[in-house]
Structure formats: C-alpha cells, structure tokens
Amino acid sequence: MNILWDEAKSKKLRSDRDIDFENVAHIIPDKKYLAILKNPKRPQQRIFVVSYKGYTHVVPFVIDGKDNIVLKTVFPSRKLHKLYGEKKP
C-alpha cells in the first residue's frame, strides 16, 4: 500500500497553510494519527485526524483500485482540535 498525492496540490497547501502532504505522509505508516473517521459529506472518503505543530488537522483520503491511499487535502480543524488536541486540566 502506497501513499499518493497531487504534487501541485501539496505545493499550494505549503504556501497557503504551511503544511503539505509530505508532513503527514510519514504519520500514516507509523500509525501515529489520532483517528480515522468516516467523511460525513463524502461517503467514499475517510479522514485521518493528525496532529501537526500542536494543532489537529484533517486529511481526507480514498483507497484506489490498487489499494493505494490517495490524500486529497489537509486543513486545520477547530472542531476536532477540541476533541483530540486540547489538553484537559
């Protein structure tokens, strides 16, 4: 199982959000993600929940016909940060 992504999208994410697919790709094989969730808006997708630079990010993905993980985008999530990222007193 390989992890694939669009390199142009990765560069755009780097410039817009200071994160790219390479930052999160090493987290997946090591199983250092916080959770894998169903995507409520797109039934064919699932979501990796990852921590990057102290904040919780969402990484939607699909499994293609060759069992590759295809990453779609990366974005910070305030909602999931409240569930997975904030330290409880």
C-alpha atoms as a PDB file:
ATOM      1  CA  MET A   1       0.000   0.000   0.000  1.00  0.00           C
ATOM      2  CA  ASN A   2       1.490   3.302  -1.138  1.00  0.00           C
ATOM      3  CA  ILE A   3       0.553   6.829  -0.138  1.00  0.00           C
ATOM      4  CA  LEU A   4      -0.099   9.071  -3.142  1.00  0.00           C
ATOM      5  CA  TRP A   5      -0.971  12.741  -3.636  1.00  0.00           C
ATOM      6  CA  ASP A   6      -1.030  15.517  -6.199  1.00  0.00           C
ATOM      7  CA  GLU A   7       2.302  17.338  -6.037  1.00  0.00           C
ATOM      8  CA  ALA A   8       0.809  20.638  -7.287  1.00  0.00           C
ATOM      9  CA  LYS A   9      -1.821  20.459  -4.532  1.00  0.00           C
ATOM     10  CA  SER A  10       0.925  19.778  -1.983  1.00  0.00           C
ATOM     11  CA  LYS A  11       2.822  22.918  -3.057  1.00  0.00           C
ATOM     12  CA  LYS A  12      -0.360  25.001  -2.842  1.00  0.00           C
ATOM     13  CA  LEU A  13      -1.045  23.667   0.666  1.00  0.00           C
ATOM     14  CA  ARG A  14       2.516  24.550   1.676  1.00  0.00           C
ATOM     15  CA  SER A  15       2.112  28.150   0.522  1.00  0.00           C
ATOM     16  CA  ASP A  16      -1.459  28.611   1.794  1.00  0.00           C
ATOM     17  CA  ARG A  17      -1.490  26.611   5.053  1.00  0.00           C
ATOM     18  CA  ASP A  18       2.175  25.965   5.949  1.00  0.00           C
ATOM     19  CA  ILE A  19       1.615  22.205   5.707  1.00  0.00           C
ATOM     20  CA  ASP A  20       1.891  19.734   2.855  1.00  0.00           C
ATOM     21  CA  PHE A  21       1.276  16.051   2.206  1.00  0.00           C
ATOM     22  CA  GLU A  22       4.889  15.137   2.970  1.00  0.00           C
ATOM     23  CA  ASN A  23       4.426  16.478   6.507  1.00  0.00           C
ATOM     24  CA  VAL A  24       1.650  13.992   7.189  1.00  0.00           C
ATOM     25  CA  ALA A  25       2.629  11.064   4.928  1.00  0.00           C
ATOM     26  CA  HIS A  26       5.133   9.678   7.467  1.00  0.00           C
ATOM     27  CA  ILE A  27       2.461   9.651  10.188  1.00  0.00           C
ATOM     28  CA  ILE A  28       0.232   7.152   8.388  1.00  0.00           C
ATOM     29  CA  PRO A  29       2.511   4.070   8.090  1.00  0.00           C
ATOM     30  CA  ASP A  30       3.684   4.575  11.685  1.00  0.00           C
ATOM     31  CA  LYS A  31       0.031   4.736  12.815  1.00  0.00           C
ATOM     32  CA  LYS A  32       0.712   7.977  14.700  1.00  0.00           C
ATOM     33  CA  TYR A  33      -2.573   9.516  13.576  1.00  0.00           C
ATOM     34  CA  LEU A  34      -5.164  10.346  16.219  1.00  0.00           C
ATOM     35  CA  ALA A  35      -8.121   8.682  14.498  1.00  0.00           C
ATOM     36  CA  ILE A  36      -9.617   7.506  11.228  1.00  0.00           C
ATOM     37  CA  LEU A  37     -13.173   8.751  10.705  1.00  0.00           C
ATOM     38  CA  LYS A  38     -15.845   8.466   8.038  1.00  0.00           C
ATOM     39  CA  ASN A  39     -16.264  11.611   5.980  1.00  0.00           C
ATOM     40  CA  PRO A  40     -19.851  12.726   6.687  1.00  0.00           C
ATOM     41  CA  LYS A  41     -20.110  14.694   3.438  1.00  0.00           C
ATOM     42  CA  ARG A  42     -18.459  12.198   1.091  1.00  0.00           C
ATOM     43  CA  PRO A  43     -19.307   8.551   1.779  1.00  0.00           C
ATOM     44  CA  GLN A  44     -16.482   7.224  -0.443  1.00  0.00           C
ATOM     45  CA  GLN A  45     -13.861   9.095   1.635  1.00  0.00           C
ATOM     46  CA  ARG A  46     -12.396   8.591   5.069  1.00  0.00           C
ATOM     47  CA  ILE A  47     -10.438  11.071   7.175  1.00  0.00           C
ATOM     48  CA  PHE A  48      -7.134  10.803   9.018  1.00  0.00           C
ATOM     49  CA  VAL A  49      -7.031  13.044  12.082  1.00  0.00           C
ATOM     50  CA  VAL A  50      -3.406  14.080  12.699  1.00  0.00           C
ATOM     51  CA  SER A  51      -1.545  16.439  14.979  1.00  0.00           C
ATOM     52  CA  TYR A  52       0.910  18.813  13.310  1.00  0.00           C
ATOM     53  CA  LYS A  53       2.765  21.606  15.106  1.00  0.00           C
ATOM     54  CA  GLY A  54       0.482  21.260  18.106  1.00  0.00           C
ATOM     55  CA  TYR A  55      -2.783  21.555  16.187  1.00  0.00           C
ATOM     56  CA  THR A  56      -5.276  18.995  14.901  1.00  0.00           C
ATOM     57  CA  HIS A  57      -5.569  18.642  11.126  1.00  0.00           C
ATOM     58  CA  VAL A  58      -7.943  16.704   8.878  1.00  0.00           C
ATOM     59  CA  VAL A  59      -6.594  14.694   5.939  1.00  0.00           C
ATOM     60  CA  PRO A  60      -9.370  13.298   3.696  1.00  0.00           C
ATOM     61  CA  PHE A  61      -8.357  10.263   1.634  1.00  0.00           C
ATOM     62  CA  VAL A  62      -9.646   7.476  -0.584  1.00  0.00           C
ATOM     63  CA  ILE A  63      -8.388   3.969  -1.268  1.00  0.00           C
ATOM     64  CA  ASP A  64      -7.940   3.483  -5.022  1.00  0.00           C
ATOM     65  CA  GLY A  65      -8.371   0.283  -7.039  1.00  0.00           C
ATOM     66  CA  LYS A  66      -4.766  -0.749  -6.319  1.00  0.00           C
ATOM     67  CA  ASP A  67      -5.153  -0.332  -2.532  1.00  0.00           C
ATOM     68  CA  ASN A  68      -3.165   2.920  -2.504  1.00  0.00           C
ATOM     69  CA  ILE A  69      -4.048   5.672  -0.060  1.00  0.00           C
ATOM     70  CA  VAL A  70      -4.718   8.839  -2.073  1.00  0.00           C
ATOM     71  CA  LEU A  71      -4.556  12.004   0.048  1.00  0.00           C
ATOM     72  CA  LYS A  72      -6.944  14.757  -1.049  1.00  0.00           C
ATOM     73  CA  THR A  73      -6.132  17.813   1.100  1.00  0.00           C
ATOM     74  CA  VAL A  74      -5.037  18.899   4.585  1.00  0.00           C
ATOM     75  CA  PHE A  75      -6.709  21.516   6.739  1.00  0.00           C
ATOM     76  CA  PRO A  76      -6.813  22.535  10.414  1.00  0.00           C
ATOM     77  CA  SER A  77      -9.988  21.683  12.308  1.00  0.00           C
ATOM     78  CA  ARG A  78     -11.109  23.689  15.312  1.00  0.00           C
ATOM     79  CA  LYS A  79     -13.908  21.193  15.988  1.00  0.00           C
ATOM     80  CA  LEU A  80     -11.624  18.158  16.021  1.00  0.00           C
ATOM     81  CA  HIS A  81      -8.931  20.069  17.913  1.00  0.00           C
ATOM     82  CA  LYS A  82     -11.397  20.466  20.754  1.00  0.00           C
ATOM     83  CA  LEU A  83     -11.945  16.702  20.758  1.00  0.00           C
ATOM     84  CA  TYR A  84      -8.404  15.440  20.115  1.00  0.00           C
ATOM     85  CA  GLY A  85      -5.916  18.225  20.651  1.00  0.00           C
ATOM     86  CA  GLU A  86      -6.678  20.371  23.631  1.00  0.00           C
ATOM     87  CA  LYS A  87      -5.089  19.387  26.881  1.00  0.00           C
ATOM     88  CA  LYS A  88      -7.635  18.745  29.597  1.00  0.00           C
ATOM     89  CA  PRO A  89      -6.880  20.156  33.101  1.00  0.00           C
END
